[in-house]
Amino acid sequence: SDTVMNAADGFLKIPMYGFTESLNISVSAAIILQSVVSKMKQHKVNWQ
């Protein structure tokens, strides 16, 4: 919604290279979480 978009501190997208411009929400969540969690555990972040 516009409420979220206007309140957002940042915007994030998954690079896509085909004709399709969007992914199913559960697929998007899986791709994003796999990426950010893997990076988080490789950095000095107090995540536990």
ModelCIF file with pLDDT and N, C-alpha, C, O atoms, coordinates in Angstrom:
data_MODEL
#
_entry.id   MODEL 
#
_entity.id                         1 
_entity.type                       polymer 
_entity.pdbx_number_of_molecules   1 
#
_entity_poly.entity_id                      1 
_entity_poly.type                           'polypeptide(L)' 
_entity_poly.nstd_linkage                   no 
_entity_poly.nstd_monomer                   no 
_entity_poly.pdbx_seq_one_letter_code       SDTVMNAADGFLKIPMYGFTESLNISVSAAIILQSVVSKMKQHKVNWQ 
_entity_poly.pdbx_seq_one_letter_code_can   SDTVMNAADGFLKIPMYGFTESLNISVSAAIILQSVVSKMKQHKVNWQ 
_entity_poly.pdbx_strand_id                 A 
#
loop_
_entity_poly_seq.entity_id 
_entity_poly_seq.num 
_entity_poly_seq.mon_id 
_entity_poly_seq.hetero 
1 1  SER n 
1 2  ASP n 
1 3  THR n 
1 4  VAL n 
1 5  MET n 
1 6  ASN n 
1 7  ALA n 
1 8  ALA n 
1 9  ASP n 
1 10 GLY n 
1 11 PHE n 
1 12 LEU n 
1 13 LYS n 
1 14 ILE n 
1 15 PRO n 
1 16 MET n 
1 17 TYR n 
1 18 GLY n 
1 19 PHE n 
1 20 THR n 
1 21 GLU n 
1 22 SER n 
1 23 LEU n 
1 24 ASN n 
1 25 ILE n 
1 26 SER n 
1 27 VAL n 
1 28 SER n 
1 29 ALA n 
1 30 ALA n 
1 31 ILE n 
1 32 ILE n 
1 33 LEU n 
1 34 GLN n 
1 35 SER n 
1 36 VAL n 
1 37 VAL n 
1 38 SER n 
1 39 LYS n 
1 40 MET n 
1 41 LYS n 
1 42 GLN n 
1 43 HIS n 
1 44 LYS n 
1 45 VAL n 
1 46 ASN n 
1 47 TRP n 
1 48 GLN n 
#
_struct_asym.id          A 
_struct_asym.entity_id   1 
#
loop_
_ma_qa_metric.id 
_ma_qa_metric.mode 
_ma_qa_metric.name 
_ma_qa_metric.software_group_id 
_ma_qa_metric.type 
1 global pLDDT . pLDDT 
2 local  pLDDT . pLDDT 
#
_ma_qa_metric_global.metric_id      1 
_ma_qa_metric_global.metric_value   92.40 
_ma_qa_metric_global.model_id       1 
_ma_qa_metric_global.ordinal_id     1 
#
loop_
_ma_qa_metric_local.label_asym_id 
_ma_qa_metric_local.label_comp_id 
_ma_qa_metric_local.label_seq_id 
_ma_qa_metric_local.metric_id 
_ma_qa_metric_local.metric_value 
_ma_qa_metric_local.model_id 
_ma_qa_metric_local.ordinal_id 
A SER 1  2 90.00 1 1  
A ASP 2  2 93.00 1 2  
A THR 3  2 95.00 1 3  
A VAL 4  2 95.00 1 4  
A MET 5  2 94.00 1 5  
A ASN 6  2 95.00 1 6  
A ALA 7  2 96.00 1 7  
A ALA 8  2 96.00 1 8  
A ASP 9  2 96.00 1 9  
A GLY 10 2 96.00 1 10 
A PHE 11 2 96.00 1 11 
A LEU 12 2 96.00 1 12 
A LYS 13 2 93.00 1 13 
A ILE 14 2 93.00 1 14 
A PRO 15 2 91.00 1 15 
A MET 16 2 88.00 1 16 
A TYR 17 2 88.00 1 17 
A GLY 18 2 88.00 1 18 
A PHE 19 2 83.00 1 19 
A THR 20 2 80.00 1 20 
A GLU 21 2 75.00 1 21 
A SER 22 2 78.00 1 22 
A LEU 23 2 85.00 1 23 
A ASN 24 2 86.00 1 24 
A ILE 25 2 88.00 1 25 
A SER 26 2 89.00 1 26 
A VAL 27 2 92.00 1 27 
A SER 28 2 93.00 1 28 
A ALA 29 2 95.00 1 29 
A ALA 30 2 96.00 1 30 
A ILE 31 2 97.00 1 31 
A ILE 32 2 97.00 1 32 
A LEU 33 2 98.00 1 33 
A GLN 34 2 98.00 1 34 
A SER 35 2 97.00 1 35 
A VAL 36 2 98.00 1 36 
A VAL 37 2 97.00 1 37 
A SER 38 2 97.00 1 38 
A LYS 39 2 96.00 1 39 
A MET 40 2 97.00 1 40 
A LYS 41 2 95.00 1 41 
A GLN 42 2 93.00 1 42 
A HIS 43 2 90.00 1 43 
A LYS 44 2 88.00 1 44 
A VAL 45 2 91.00 1 45 
A ASN 46 2 94.00 1 46 
A TRP 47 2 97.00 1 47 
A GLN 48 2 96.00 1 48 
#
loop_
_atom_site.group_PDB 
_atom_site.id 
_atom_site.type_symbol 
_atom_site.label_atom_id 
_atom_site.label_alt_id 
_atom_site.label_comp_id 
_atom_site.label_asym_id 
_atom_site.label_entity_id 
_atom_site.label_seq_id 
_atom_site.pdbx_PDB_ins_code 
_atom_site.Cartn_x 
_atom_site.Cartn_y 
_atom_site.Cartn_z 
_atom_site.occupancy 
_atom_site.B_iso_or_equiv 
_atom_site.pdbx_formal_charge 
_atom_site.auth_seq_id 
_atom_site.auth_comp_id 
_atom_site.auth_asym_id 
_atom_site.auth_atom_id 
_atom_site.pdbx_PDB_model_num 
ATOM 1   N N  . SER A 1 1  ? 0.825  -1.207  0.000   1.00 90.00 ? 1  SER A N  1 
ATOM 2   C CA . SER A 1 1  ? 0.000  0.000   0.000   1.00 90.00 ? 1  SER A CA 1 
ATOM 3   C C  . SER A 1 1  ? 0.860  1.258   0.000   1.00 90.00 ? 1  SER A C  1 
ATOM 4   O O  . SER A 1 1  ? 2.061  1.206   0.263   1.00 90.00 ? 1  SER A O  1 
ATOM 5   N N  . ASP A 1 2  ? 0.225  2.387   -0.298  1.00 93.00 ? 2  ASP A N  1 
ATOM 6   C CA . ASP A 1 2  ? 0.920  3.671   -0.257  1.00 93.00 ? 2  ASP A CA 1 
ATOM 7   C C  . ASP A 1 2  ? 1.404  3.972   1.162   1.00 93.00 ? 2  ASP A C  1 
ATOM 8   O O  . ASP A 1 2  ? 2.424  4.635   1.352   1.00 93.00 ? 2  ASP A O  1 
ATOM 9   N N  . THR A 1 3  ? 0.660  3.476   2.157   1.00 95.00 ? 3  THR A N  1 
ATOM 10  C CA . THR A 1 3  ? 1.049  3.711   3.554   1.00 95.00 ? 3  THR A CA 1 
ATOM 11  C C  . THR A 1 3  ? 2.433  3.141   3.833   1.00 95.00 ? 3  THR A C  1 
ATOM 12  O O  . THR A 1 3  ? 3.275  3.799   4.443   1.00 95.00 ? 3  THR A O  1 
ATOM 13  N N  . VAL A 1 4  ? 2.660  1.912   3.380   1.00 95.00 ? 4  VAL A N  1 
ATOM 14  C CA . VAL A 1 4  ? 3.971  1.280   3.579   1.00 95.00 ? 4  VAL A CA 1 
ATOM 15  C C  . VAL A 1 4  ? 5.030  1.972   2.735   1.00 95.00 ? 4  VAL A C  1 
ATOM 16  O O  . VAL A 1 4  ? 6.129  2.251   3.214   1.00 95.00 ? 4  VAL A O  1 
ATOM 17  N N  . MET A 1 5  ? 4.701  2.246   1.491   1.00 94.00 ? 5  MET A N  1 
ATOM 18  C CA . MET A 1 5  ? 5.676  2.853   0.586   1.00 94.00 ? 5  MET A CA 1 
ATOM 19  C C  . MET A 1 5  ? 6.117  4.224   1.097   1.00 94.00 ? 5  MET A C  1 
ATOM 20  O O  . MET A 1 5  ? 7.290  4.583   0.995   1.00 94.00 ? 5  MET A O  1 
ATOM 21  N N  . ASN A 1 6  ? 5.174  4.984   1.645   1.00 95.00 ? 6  ASN A N  1 
ATOM 22  C CA . ASN A 1 6  ? 5.512  6.321   2.149   1.00 95.00 ? 6  ASN A CA 1 
ATOM 23  C C  . ASN A 1 6  ? 6.277  6.257   3.471   1.00 95.00 ? 6  ASN A C  1 
ATOM 24  O O  . ASN A 1 6  ? 7.059  7.153   3.789   1.00 95.00 ? 6  ASN A O  1 
ATOM 25  N N  . ALA A 1 7  ? 6.046  5.200   4.229   1.00 96.00 ? 7  ALA A N  1 
ATOM 26  C CA . ALA A 1 7  ? 6.709  5.073   5.536   1.00 96.00 ? 7  ALA A CA 1 
ATOM 27  C C  . ALA A 1 7  ? 8.060  4.375   5.445   1.00 96.00 ? 7  ALA A C  1 
ATOM 28  O O  . ALA A 1 7  ? 8.845  4.411   6.392   1.00 96.00 ? 7  ALA A O  1 
ATOM 29  N N  . ALA A 1 8  ? 8.328  3.749   4.320   1.00 96.00 ? 8  ALA A N  1 
ATOM 30  C CA . ALA A 1 8  ? 9.527  2.913   4.187   1.00 96.00 ? 8  ALA A CA 1 
ATOM 31  C C  . ALA A 1 8  ? 10.819 3.712   4.344   1.00 96.00 ? 8  ALA A C  1 
ATOM 32  O O  . ALA A 1 8  ? 10.947 4.838   3.864   1.00 96.00 ? 8  ALA A O  1 
ATOM 33  N N  . ASP A 1 9  ? 11.772 3.081   5.037   1.00 96.00 ? 9  ASP A N  1 
ATOM 34  C CA . ASP A 1 9  ? 13.110 3.655   5.172   1.00 96.00 ? 9  ASP A CA 1 
ATOM 35  C C  . ASP A 1 9  ? 13.998 3.240   4.009   1.00 96.00 ? 9  ASP A C  1 
ATOM 36  O O  . ASP A 1 9  ? 15.046 3.838   3.767   1.00 96.00 ? 9  ASP A O  1 
ATOM 37  N N  . GLY A 1 10 ? 13.563 2.206   3.291   1.00 96.00 ? 10 GLY A N  1 
ATOM 38  C CA . GLY A 1 10 ? 14.334 1.724   2.158   1.00 96.00 ? 10 GLY A CA 1 
ATOM 39  C C  . GLY A 1 10 ? 13.501 0.787   1.302   1.00 96.00 ? 10 GLY A C  1 
ATOM 40  O O  . GLY A 1 10 ? 12.460 0.287   1.728   1.00 96.00 ? 10 GLY A O  1 
ATOM 41  N N  . PHE A 1 11 ? 13.980 0.561   0.089   1.00 96.00 ? 11 PHE A N  1 
ATOM 42  C CA . PHE A 1 11 ? 13.286 -0.302  -0.862  1.00 96.00 ? 11 PHE A CA 1 
ATOM 43  C C  . PHE A 1 11 ? 14.255 -1.377  -1.345  1.00 96.00 ? 11 PHE A C  1 
ATOM 44  O O  . PHE A 1 11 ? 15.440 -1.115  -1.551  1.00 96.00 ? 11 PHE A O  1 
ATOM 45  N N  . LEU A 1 12 ? 13.740 -2.574  -1.519  1.00 96.00 ? 12 LEU A N  1 
ATOM 46  C CA . LEU A 1 12 ? 14.595 -3.707  -1.861  1.00 96.00 ? 12 LEU A CA 1 
ATOM 47  C C  . LEU A 1 12 ? 13.978 -4.496  -2.997  1.00 96.00 ? 12 LEU A C  1 
ATOM 48  O O  . LEU A 1 12 ? 12.774 -4.755  -3.015  1.00 96.00 ? 12 LEU A O  1 
ATOM 49  N N  . LYS A 1 13 ? 14.832 -4.880  -3.960  1.00 93.00 ? 13 LYS A N  1 
ATOM 50  C CA . LYS A 1 13 ? 14.309 -5.688  -5.060  1.00 93.00 ? 13 LYS A CA 1 
ATOM 51  C C  . LYS A 1 13 ? 15.259 -6.821  -5.411  1.00 93.00 ? 13 LYS A C  1 
ATOM 52  O O  . LYS A 1 13 ? 16.469 -6.748  -5.196  1.00 93.00 ? 13 LYS A O  1 
ATOM 53  N N  . ILE A 1 14 ? 14.666 -7.861  -5.956  1.00 93.00 ? 14 ILE A N  1 
ATOM 54  C CA . ILE A 1 14 ? 15.413 -9.022  -6.433  1.00 93.00 ? 14 ILE A CA 1 
ATOM 55  C C  . ILE A 1 14 ? 15.715 -8.795  -7.914  1.00 93.00 ? 14 ILE A C  1 
ATOM 56  O O  . ILE A 1 14 ? 14.792 -8.546  -8.689  1.00 93.00 ? 14 ILE A O  1 
ATOM 57  N N  . PRO A 1 15 ? 16.971 -8.874  -8.324  1.00 91.00 ? 15 PRO A N  1 
ATOM 58  C CA . PRO A 1 15 ? 17.277 -8.703  -9.754  1.00 91.00 ? 15 PRO A CA 1 
ATOM 59  C C  . PRO A 1 15 ? 16.565 -9.765  -10.590 1.00 91.00 ? 15 PRO A C  1 
ATOM 60  O O  . PRO A 1 15 ? 16.605 -10.950 -10.258 1.00 91.00 ? 15 PRO A O  1 
ATOM 61  N N  . MET A 1 16 ? 15.925 -9.348  -11.657 1.00 88.00 ? 16 MET A N  1 
ATOM 62  C CA . MET A 1 16 ? 15.231 -10.279 -12.554 1.00 88.00 ? 16 MET A CA 1 
ATOM 63  C C  . MET A 1 16 ? 15.610 -9.961  -13.995 1.00 88.00 ? 16 MET A C  1 
ATOM 64  O O  . MET A 1 16 ? 15.772 -8.797  -14.361 1.00 88.00 ? 16 MET A O  1 
ATOM 65  N N  . TYR A 1 17 ? 15.750 -10.997 -14.802 1.00 88.00 ? 17 TYR A N  1 
ATOM 66  C CA . TYR A 1 17 ? 16.310 -10.811 -16.144 1.00 88.00 ? 17 TYR A CA 1 
ATOM 67  C C  . TYR A 1 17 ? 15.419 -11.339 -17.259 1.00 88.00 ? 17 TYR A C  1 
ATOM 68  O O  . TYR A 1 17 ? 15.834 -11.407 -18.416 1.00 88.00 ? 17 TYR A O  1 
ATOM 69  N N  . GLY A 1 18 ? 14.198 -11.711 -16.908 1.00 88.00 ? 18 GLY A N  1 
ATOM 70  C CA . GLY A 1 18 ? 13.303 -12.260 -17.918 1.00 88.00 ? 18 GLY A CA 1 
ATOM 71  C C  . GLY A 1 18 ? 12.157 -11.309 -18.222 1.00 88.00 ? 18 GLY A C  1 
ATOM 72  O O  . GLY A 1 18 ? 12.202 -10.131 -17.869 1.00 88.00 ? 18 GLY A O  1 
ATOM 73  N N  . PHE A 1 19 ? 11.124 -11.837 -18.883 1.00 83.00 ? 19 PHE A N  1 
ATOM 74  C CA . PHE A 1 19 ? 9.950  -11.035 -19.222 1.00 83.00 ? 19 PHE A CA 1 
ATOM 75  C C  . PHE A 1 19 ? 9.057  -10.812 -18.002 1.00 83.00 ? 19 PHE A C  1 
ATOM 76  O O  . PHE A 1 19 ? 8.399  -9.777  -17.890 1.00 83.00 ? 19 PHE A O  1 
ATOM 77  N N  . THR A 1 20 ? 9.036  -11.779 -17.093 1.00 80.00 ? 20 THR A N  1 
ATOM 78  C CA . THR A 1 20 ? 8.200  -11.676 -15.903 1.00 80.00 ? 20 THR A CA 1 
ATOM 79  C C  . THR A 1 20 ? 8.771  -10.634 -14.951 1.00 80.00 ? 20 THR A C  1 
ATOM 80  O O  . THR A 1 20 ? 9.970  -10.625 -14.672 1.00 80.00 ? 20 THR A O  1 
ATOM 81  N N  . GLU A 1 21 ? 7.899  -9.753  -14.453 1.00 75.00 ? 21 GLU A N  1 
ATOM 82  C CA . GLU A 1 21 ? 8.358  -8.639  -13.626 1.00 75.00 ? 21 GLU A CA 1 
ATOM 83  C C  . GLU A 1 21 ? 8.111  -8.833  -12.137 1.00 75.00 ? 21 GLU A C  1 
ATOM 84  O O  . GLU A 1 21 ? 8.436  -7.955  -11.337 1.00 75.00 ? 21 GLU A O  1 
ATOM 85  N N  . SER A 1 22 ? 7.541  -9.969  -11.754 1.00 78.00 ? 22 SER A N  1 
ATOM 86  C CA . SER A 1 22 ? 7.285  -10.178 -10.331 1.00 78.00 ? 22 SER A CA 1 
ATOM 87  C C  . SER A 1 22 ? 7.345  -11.659 -9.995  1.00 78.00 ? 22 SER A C  1 
ATOM 88  O O  . SER A 1 22 ? 7.253  -12.520 -10.869 1.00 78.00 ? 22 SER A O  1 
ATOM 89  N N  . LEU A 1 23 ? 7.501  -11.930 -8.708  1.00 85.00 ? 23 LEU A N  1 
ATOM 90  C CA . LEU A 1 23 ? 7.546  -13.304 -8.211  1.00 85.00 ? 23 LEU A CA 1 
ATOM 91  C C  . LEU A 1 23 ? 6.436  -13.512 -7.190  1.00 85.00 ? 23 LEU A C  1 
ATOM 92  O O  . LEU A 1 23 ? 5.965  -12.559 -6.568  1.00 85.00 ? 23 LEU A O  1 
ATOM 93  N N  . ASN A 1 24 ? 6.029  -14.741 -7.024  1.00 86.00 ? 24 ASN A N  1 
ATOM 94  C CA . ASN A 1 24 ? 5.096  -15.080 -5.957  1.00 86.00 ? 24 ASN A CA 1 
ATOM 95  C C  . ASN A 1 24 ? 5.691  -14.631 -4.619  1.00 86.00 ? 24 ASN A C  1 
ATOM 96  O O  . ASN A 1 24 ? 6.902  -14.724 -4.417  1.00 86.00 ? 24 ASN A O  1 
ATOM 97  N N  . ILE A 1 25 ? 4.849  -14.148 -3.710  1.00 88.00 ? 25 ILE A N  1 
ATOM 98  C CA . ILE A 1 25 ? 5.330  -13.602 -2.437  1.00 88.00 ? 25 ILE A CA 1 
ATOM 99  C C  . ILE A 1 25 ? 6.160  -14.602 -1.648  1.00 88.00 ? 25 ILE A C  1 
ATOM 100 O O  . ILE A 1 25 ? 7.172  -14.228 -1.056  1.00 88.00 ? 25 ILE A O  1 
ATOM 101 N N  . SER A 1 26 ? 5.750  -15.872 -1.628  1.00 89.00 ? 26 SER A N  1 
ATOM 102 C CA . SER A 1 26 ? 6.502  -16.855 -0.843  1.00 89.00 ? 26 SER A CA 1 
ATOM 103 C C  . SER A 1 26 ? 7.860  -17.137 -1.466  1.00 89.00 ? 26 SER A C  1 
ATOM 104 O O  . SER A 1 26 ? 8.826  -17.412 -0.754  1.00 89.00 ? 26 SER A O  1 
ATOM 105 N N  . VAL A 1 27 ? 7.941  -17.070 -2.790  1.00 92.00 ? 27 VAL A N  1 
ATOM 106 C CA . VAL A 1 27 ? 9.219  -17.244 -3.483  1.00 92.00 ? 27 VAL A CA 1 
ATOM 107 C C  . VAL A 1 27 ? 10.123 -16.044 -3.202  1.00 92.00 ? 27 VAL A C  1 
ATOM 108 O O  . VAL A 1 27 ? 11.312 -16.204 -2.929  1.00 92.00 ? 27 VAL A O  1 
ATOM 109 N N  . SER A 1 28 ? 9.551  -14.848 -3.272  1.00 93.00 ? 28 SER A N  1 
ATOM 110 C CA . SER A 1 28 ? 10.325 -13.631 -2.992  1.00 93.00 ? 28 SER A CA 1 
ATOM 111 C C  . SER A 1 28 ? 10.879 -13.653 -1.568  1.00 93.00 ? 28 SER A C  1 
ATOM 112 O O  . SER A 1 28 ? 12.042 -13.323 -1.336  1.00 93.00 ? 28 SER A O  1 
ATOM 113 N N  . ALA A 1 29 ? 10.030 -14.046 -0.622  1.00 95.00 ? 29 ALA A N  1 
ATOM 114 C CA . ALA A 1 29 ? 10.467 -14.103 0.776   1.00 95.00 ? 29 ALA A CA 1 
ATOM 115 C C  . ALA A 1 29 ? 11.614 -15.088 0.949   1.00 95.00 ? 29 ALA A C  1 
ATOM 116 O O  . ALA A 1 29 ? 12.574 -14.808 1.667   1.00 95.00 ? 29 ALA A O  1 
ATOM 117 N N  . ALA A 1 30 ? 11.516 -16.240 0.293   1.00 96.00 ? 30 ALA A N  1 
ATOM 118 C CA . ALA A 1 30 ? 12.567 -17.254 0.412   1.00 96.00 ? 30 ALA A CA 1 
ATOM 119 C C  . ALA A 1 30 ? 13.892 -16.753 -0.158  1.00 96.00 ? 30 ALA A C  1 
ATOM 120 O O  . ALA A 1 30 ? 14.943 -16.941 0.455   1.00 96.00 ? 30 ALA A O  1 
ATOM 121 N N  . ILE A 1 31 ? 13.845 -16.121 -1.316  1.00 97.00 ? 31 ILE A N  1 
ATOM 122 C CA . ILE A 1 31 ? 15.069 -15.617 -1.947  1.00 97.00 ? 31 ILE A CA 1 
ATOM 123 C C  . ILE A 1 31 ? 15.713 -14.532 -1.079  1.00 97.00 ? 31 ILE A C  1 
ATOM 124 O O  . ILE A 1 31 ? 16.923 -14.549 -0.849  1.00 97.00 ? 31 ILE A O  1 
ATOM 125 N N  . ILE A 1 32 ? 14.897 -13.593 -0.601  1.00 97.00 ? 32 ILE A N  1 
ATOM 126 C CA . ILE A 1 32 ? 15.419 -12.483 0.194   1.00 97.00 ? 32 ILE A CA 1 
ATOM 127 C C  . ILE A 1 32 ? 15.977 -12.968 1.520   1.00 97.00 ? 32 ILE A C  1 
ATOM 128 O O  . ILE A 1 32 ? 17.078 -12.573 1.905   1.00 97.00 ? 32 ILE A O  1 
ATOM 129 N N  . LEU A 1 33 ? 15.238 -13.817 2.224   1.00 98.00 ? 33 LEU A N  1 
ATOM 130 C CA . LEU A 1 33 ? 15.705 -14.283 3.533   1.00 98.00 ? 33 LEU A CA 1 
ATOM 131 C C  . LEU A 1 33 ? 16.961 -15.130 3.426   1.00 98.00 ? 33 LEU A C  1 
ATOM 132 O O  . LEU A 1 33 ? 17.861 -15.013 4.258   1.00 98.00 ? 33 LEU A O  1 
ATOM 133 N N  . GLN A 1 34 ? 17.031 -15.974 2.420   1.00 98.00 ? 34 GLN A N  1 
ATOM 134 C CA . GLN A 1 34 ? 18.239 -16.789 2.243   1.00 98.00 ? 34 GLN A CA 1 
ATOM 135 C C  . GLN A 1 34 ? 19.453 -15.891 2.064   1.00 98.00 ? 34 GLN A C  1 
ATOM 136 O O  . GLN A 1 34 ? 20.517 -16.153 2.624   1.00 98.00 ? 34 GLN A O  1 
ATOM 137 N N  . SER A 1 35 ? 19.289 -14.835 1.284   1.00 97.00 ? 35 SER A N  1 
ATOM 138 C CA . SER A 1 35 ? 20.407 -13.931 1.003   1.00 97.00 ? 35 SER A CA 1 
ATOM 139 C C  . SER A 1 35 ? 20.813 -13.128 2.227   1.00 97.00 ? 35 SER A C  1 
ATOM 140 O O  . SER A 1 35 ? 21.987 -13.105 2.594   1.00 97.00 ? 35 SER A O  1 
ATOM 141 N N  . VAL A 1 36 ? 19.842 -12.465 2.865   1.00 98.00 ? 36 VAL A N  1 
ATOM 142 C CA . VAL A 1 36 ? 20.201 -11.564 3.974   1.00 98.00 ? 36 VAL A CA 1 
ATOM 143 C C  . VAL A 1 36 ? 20.658 -12.336 5.219   1.00 98.00 ? 36 VAL A C  1 
ATOM 144 O O  . VAL A 1 36 ? 21.542 -11.874 5.941   1.00 98.00 ? 36 VAL A O  1 
ATOM 145 N N  . VAL A 1 37 ? 20.066 -13.499 5.472   1.00 97.00 ? 37 VAL A N  1 
ATOM 146 C CA . VAL A 1 37 ? 20.481 -14.285 6.640   1.00 97.00 ? 37 VAL A CA 1 
ATOM 147 C C  . VAL A 1 37 ? 21.897 -14.830 6.444   1.00 97.00 ? 37 VAL A C  1 
ATOM 148 O O  . VAL A 1 37 ? 22.702 -14.827 7.376   1.00 97.00 ? 37 VAL A O  1 
ATOM 149 N N  . SER A 1 38 ? 22.195 -15.292 5.239   1.00 97.00 ? 38 SER A N  1 
ATOM 150 C CA . SER A 1 38 ? 23.549 -15.789 4.955   1.00 97.00 ? 38 SER A CA 1 
ATOM 151 C C  . SER A 1 38 ? 24.583 -14.681 5.139   1.00 97.00 ? 38 SER A C  1 
ATOM 152 O O  . SER A 1 38 ? 25.628 -14.906 5.750   1.00 97.00 ? 38 SER A O  1 
ATOM 153 N N  . LYS A 1 39 ? 24.298 -13.476 4.611   1.00 96.00 ? 39 LYS A N  1 
ATOM 154 C CA . LYS A 1 39 ? 25.220 -12.350 4.763   1.00 96.00 ? 39 LYS A CA 1 
ATOM 155 C C  . LYS A 1 39 ? 25.345 -11.924 6.223   1.00 96.00 ? 39 LYS A C  1 
ATOM 156 O O  . LYS A 1 39 ? 26.436 -11.605 6.695   1.00 96.00 ? 39 LYS A O  1 
ATOM 157 N N  . MET A 1 40 ? 24.220 -11.923 6.928   1.00 97.00 ? 40 MET A N  1 
ATOM 158 C CA . MET A 1 40 ? 24.213 -11.533 8.336   1.00 97.00 ? 40 MET A CA 1 
ATOM 159 C C  . MET A 1 40 ? 25.171 -12.394 9.159   1.00 97.00 ? 40 MET A C  1 
ATOM 160 O O  . MET A 1 40 ? 25.901 -11.886 10.010  1.00 97.00 ? 40 MET A O  1 
ATOM 161 N N  . LYS A 1 41 ? 25.158 -13.694 8.897   1.00 95.00 ? 41 LYS A N  1 
ATOM 162 C CA . LYS A 1 41 ? 25.982 -14.614 9.677   1.00 95.00 ? 41 LYS A CA 1 
ATOM 163 C C  . LYS A 1 41 ? 27.457 -14.535 9.302   1.00 95.00 ? 41 LYS A C  1 
ATOM 164 O O  . LYS A 1 41 ? 28.313 -15.046 10.025  1.00 95.00 ? 41 LYS A O  1 
ATOM 165 N N  . GLN A 1 42 ? 27.754 -13.899 8.181   1.00 93.00 ? 42 GLN A N  1 
ATOM 166 C CA . GLN A 1 42 ? 29.137 -13.732 7.759   1.00 93.00 ? 42 GLN A CA 1 
ATOM 167 C C  . GLN A 1 42 ? 29.726 -12.412 8.259   1.00 93.00 ? 42 GLN A C  1 
ATOM 168 O O  . GLN A 1 42 ? 30.936 -12.196 8.185   1.00 93.00 ? 42 GLN A O  1 
ATOM 169 N N  . HIS A 1 43 ? 28.860 -11.530 8.768   1.00 90.00 ? 43 HIS A N  1 
ATOM 170 C CA . HIS A 1 43 ? 29.307 -10.223 9.253   1.00 90.00 ? 43 HIS A CA 1 
ATOM 171 C C  . HIS A 1 43 ? 29.286 -10.181 10.778  1.00 90.00 ? 43 HIS A C  1 
ATOM 172 O O  . HIS A 1 43 ? 28.676 -11.029 11.430  1.00 90.00 ? 43 HIS A O  1 
ATOM 173 N N  . LYS A 1 44 ? 29.962 -9.179  11.330  1.00 88.00 ? 44 LYS A N  1 
ATOM 174 C CA . LYS A 1 44 ? 29.980 -9.009  12.781  1.00 88.00 ? 44 LYS A CA 1 
ATOM 175 C C  . LYS A 1 44 ? 28.713 -8.269  13.211  1.00 88.00 ? 44 LYS A C  1 
ATOM 176 O O  . LYS A 1 44 ? 28.728 -7.076  13.512  1.00 88.00 ? 44 LYS A O  1 
ATOM 177 N N  . VAL A 1 45 ? 27.616 -9.033  13.226  1.00 91.00 ? 45 VAL A N  1 
ATOM 178 C CA . VAL A 1 45 ? 26.314 -8.485  13.593  1.00 91.00 ? 45 VAL A CA 1 
ATOM 179 C C  . VAL A 1 45 ? 25.807 -9.248  14.814  1.00 91.00 ? 45 VAL A C  1 
ATOM 180 O O  . VAL A 1 45 ? 25.866 -10.477 14.852  1.00 91.00 ? 45 VAL A O  1 
ATOM 181 N N  . ASN A 1 46 ? 25.314 -8.524  15.798  1.00 94.00 ? 46 ASN A N  1 
ATOM 182 C CA . ASN A 1 46 ? 24.770 -9.168  17.000  1.00 94.00 ? 46 ASN A CA 1 
ATOM 183 C C  . ASN A 1 46 ? 23.343 -9.638  16.693  1.00 94.00 ? 46 ASN A C  1 
ATOM 184 O O  . ASN A 1 46 ? 22.370 -8.968  17.039  1.00 94.00 ? 46 ASN A O  1 
ATOM 185 N N  . TRP A 1 47 ? 23.236 -10.782 16.046  1.00 97.00 ? 47 TRP A N  1 
ATOM 186 C CA . TRP A 1 47 ? 21.947 -11.235 15.523  1.00 97.00 ? 47 TRP A CA 1 
ATOM 187 C C  . TRP A 1 47 ? 21.248 -12.270 16.396  1.00 97.00 ? 47 TRP A C  1 
ATOM 188 O O  . TRP A 1 47 ? 20.057 -12.519 16.213  1.00 97.00 ? 47 TRP A O  1 
ATOM 189 N N  . GLN A 1 48 ? 21.964 -12.877 17.341  1.00 96.00 ? 48 GLN A N  1 
ATOM 190 C CA . GLN A 1 48 ? 21.366 -13.968 18.105  1.00 96.00 ? 48 GLN A CA 1 
ATOM 191 C C  . GLN A 1 48 ? 20.409 -13.467 19.188  1.00 96.00 ? 48 GLN A C  1 
ATOM 192 O O  . GLN A 1 48 ? 19.827 -14.270 19.917  1.00 96.00 ? 48 GLN A O  1 
#
